[in-house]
Amino acid sequence: MLPAVKDNPAEHRFEMEVEGHTAFSVYTRMAGVTTFLHTEVPPALGGKGVGSALVKGALDLVRARGDKVASRCAFTTAFLKKHPEYQDLLA
């Protein structure tokens, strides 16, 4: 089981600490819309589902605060296309 995703508003990114590494997704937030800009998973964590878990957790946090979502991140955009349960969040 992977650890929970945390919002780091000072750095404008969602983060997940796994095996001593930090995976993160950078965002901006304006007028109730969180825009995902870039998601990065350290090479040591590749192929373990960390990126998908990170984006899922981040989207759950966005939903909890009542924001909508936009994406300029290829990984997040692909995730959203594969997961219709998050379509209601799209701005």
C-alpha atoms as a PDB file:
ATOM      1  CA  MET A   1       0.000   0.000   0.000  1.00  0.00           C
ATOM      2  CA  LEU A   2       1.311   3.434  -0.965  1.00  0.00           C
ATOM      3  CA  PRO A   3       1.361   6.385   1.457  1.00  0.00           C
ATOM      4  CA  ALA A   4      -1.148   9.217   1.343  1.00  0.00           C
ATOM      5  CA  VAL A   5      -0.744  12.187  -0.956  1.00  0.00           C
ATOM      6  CA  LYS A   6      -0.118  15.494   0.797  1.00  0.00           C
ATOM      7  CA  ASP A   7      -0.667  19.004  -0.487  1.00  0.00           C
ATOM      8  CA  ASN A   8       2.369  21.270  -0.114  1.00  0.00           C
ATOM      9  CA  PRO A   9       0.828  24.695  -0.868  1.00  0.00           C
ATOM     10  CA  ALA A  10       4.104  26.532  -0.187  1.00  0.00           C
ATOM     11  CA  GLU A  11       5.690  24.651  -3.125  1.00  0.00           C
ATOM     12  CA  HIS A  12       2.440  24.468  -5.179  1.00  0.00           C
ATOM     13  CA  ARG A  13       2.619  20.723  -5.474  1.00  0.00           C
ATOM     14  CA  PHE A  14       1.060  17.497  -4.323  1.00  0.00           C
ATOM     15  CA  GLU A  15       3.626  15.071  -2.906  1.00  0.00           C
ATOM     16  CA  MET A  16       3.985  11.401  -2.062  1.00  0.00           C
ATOM     17  CA  GLU A  17       6.991  10.033  -0.172  1.00  0.00           C
ATOM     18  CA  VAL A  18       7.854   6.468  -1.211  1.00  0.00           C
ATOM     19  CA  GLU A  19      10.977   4.480  -0.323  1.00  0.00           C
ATOM     20  CA  GLY A  20      12.915   7.646   0.526  1.00  0.00           C
ATOM     21  CA  HIS A  21      11.961   9.396  -2.731  1.00  0.00           C
ATOM     22  CA  THR A  22       9.421  12.134  -3.435  1.00  0.00           C
ATOM     23  CA  ALA A  23       7.017  11.932  -6.354  1.00  0.00           C
ATOM     24  CA  PHE A  24       5.187  15.191  -7.001  1.00  0.00           C
ATOM     25  CA  SER A  25       2.710  17.005  -9.189  1.00  0.00           C
ATOM     26  CA  VAL A  26       3.103  20.769  -9.614  1.00  0.00           C
ATOM     27  CA  TYR A  27      -0.042  22.881  -9.844  1.00  0.00           C
ATOM     28  CA  THR A  28      -1.443  26.387  -9.890  1.00  0.00           C
ATOM     29  CA  ARG A  29      -4.685  27.336  -8.183  1.00  0.00           C
ATOM     30  CA  MET A  30      -6.861  30.263  -9.210  1.00  0.00           C
ATOM     31  CA  ALA A  31     -10.573  31.011  -8.864  1.00  0.00           C
ATOM     32  CA  GLY A  32     -11.474  27.519  -7.677  1.00  0.00           C
ATOM     33  CA  VAL A  33      -9.567  25.719 -10.446  1.00  0.00           C
ATOM     34  CA  THR A  34      -6.485  23.610  -9.758  1.00  0.00           C
ATOM     35  CA  THR A  35      -4.372  23.269 -12.907  1.00  0.00           C
ATOM     36  CA  PHE A  36      -1.912  20.390 -13.023  1.00  0.00           C
ATOM     37  CA  LEU A  37       1.298  21.461 -14.783  1.00  0.00           C
ATOM     38  CA  HIS A  38       3.817  18.631 -14.393  1.00  0.00           C
ATOM     39  CA  THR A  39       4.018  15.270 -12.638  1.00  0.00           C
ATOM     40  CA  GLU A  40       7.358  13.719 -11.795  1.00  0.00           C
ATOM     41  CA  VAL A  41       8.148  10.273 -10.423  1.00  0.00           C
ATOM     42  CA  PRO A  42      11.784   9.474  -9.578  1.00  0.00           C
ATOM     43  CA  PRO A  43      13.244   6.738 -11.810  1.00  0.00           C
ATOM     44  CA  ALA A  44      13.701   4.445  -8.802  1.00  0.00           C
ATOM     45  CA  LEU A  45       9.897   4.387  -8.379  1.00  0.00           C
ATOM     46  CA  GLY A  46       9.032   3.852 -12.031  1.00  0.00           C
ATOM     47  CA  GLY A  47       6.648   1.036 -12.920  1.00  0.00           C
ATOM     48  CA  LYS A  48       5.250   0.736  -9.399  1.00  0.00           C
ATOM     49  CA  GLY A  49       2.019   2.673  -9.930  1.00  0.00           C
ATOM     50  CA  VAL A  50       3.286   5.653  -7.958  1.00  0.00           C
ATOM     51  CA  GLY A  51       2.351   8.213 -10.624  1.00  0.00           C
ATOM     52  CA  SER A  52      -1.228   6.986 -10.868  1.00  0.00           C
ATOM     53  CA  ALA A  53      -1.578   6.818  -7.076  1.00  0.00           C
ATOM     54  CA  LEU A  54      -0.187  10.337  -6.807  1.00  0.00           C
ATOM     55  CA  VAL A  55      -2.605  11.795  -9.349  1.00  0.00           C
ATOM     56  CA  LYS A  56      -5.565   9.884  -7.876  1.00  0.00           C
ATOM     57  CA  GLY A  57      -4.755  11.152  -4.386  1.00  0.00           C
ATOM     58  CA  ALA A  58      -4.258  14.694  -5.650  1.00  0.00           C
ATOM     59  CA  LEU A  59      -7.598  14.637  -7.486  1.00  0.00           C
ATOM     60  CA  ASP A  60      -9.285  13.365  -4.325  1.00  0.00           C
ATOM     61  CA  LEU A  61      -7.790  16.308  -2.394  1.00  0.00           C
ATOM     62  CA  VAL A  62      -8.957  18.738  -5.089  1.00  0.00           C
ATOM     63  CA  ARG A  63     -12.461  17.262  -4.911  1.00  0.00           C
ATOM     64  CA  ALA A  64     -12.486  17.543  -1.105  1.00  0.00           C
ATOM     65  CA  ARG A  65     -11.729  21.263  -1.244  1.00  0.00           C
ATOM     66  CA  GLY A  66     -14.425  21.830  -3.863  1.00  0.00           C
ATOM     67  CA  ASP A  67     -12.190  22.896  -6.764  1.00  0.00           C
ATOM     68  CA  LYS A  68     -12.436  21.992 -10.420  1.00  0.00           C
ATOM     69  CA  VAL A  69      -9.475  20.638 -12.417  1.00  0.00           C
ATOM     70  CA  ALA A  70      -7.619  21.626 -15.564  1.00  0.00           C
ATOM     71  CA  SER A  71      -4.558  19.824 -16.879  1.00  0.00           C
ATOM     72  CA  ARG A  72      -1.504  20.917 -18.812  1.00  0.00           C
ATOM     73  CA  CYS A  73       0.308  17.776 -17.679  1.00  0.00           C
ATOM     74  CA  ALA A  74       0.366  14.883 -20.158  1.00  0.00           C
ATOM     75  CA  PHE A  75       0.356  12.259 -17.395  1.00  0.00           C
ATOM     76  CA  THR A  76      -2.599  13.813 -15.561  1.00  0.00           C
ATOM     77  CA  THR A  77      -4.510  14.279 -18.817  1.00  0.00           C
ATOM     78  CA  ALA A  78      -4.001  10.601 -19.688  1.00  0.00           C
ATOM     79  CA  PHE A  79      -5.101   9.570 -16.188  1.00  0.00           C
ATOM     80  CA  LEU A  80      -8.275  11.657 -16.466  1.00  0.00           C
ATOM     81  CA  LYS A  81      -9.137  10.068 -19.824  1.00  0.00           C
ATOM     82  CA  LYS A  82      -8.814   6.565 -18.317  1.00  0.00           C
ATOM     83  CA  HIS A  83     -10.817   7.326 -15.171  1.00  0.00           C
ATOM     84  CA  PRO A  84     -14.340   8.571 -15.863  1.00  0.00           C
ATOM     85  CA  GLU A  85     -15.038   8.818 -12.135  1.00  0.00           C
ATOM     86  CA  TYR A  86     -13.061  12.085 -12.175  1.00  0.00           C
ATOM     87  CA  GLN A  87     -14.763  13.679 -15.198  1.00  0.00           C
ATOM     88  CA  ASP A  88     -17.036  15.732 -12.934  1.00  0.00           C
ATOM     89  CA  LEU A  89     -13.962  17.646 -11.753  1.00  0.00           C
ATOM     90  CA  LEU A  90     -13.047  19.018 -15.184  1.00  0.00           C
ATOM     91  CA  ALA A  91     -13.341  22.782 -15.459  1.00  0.00           C
END
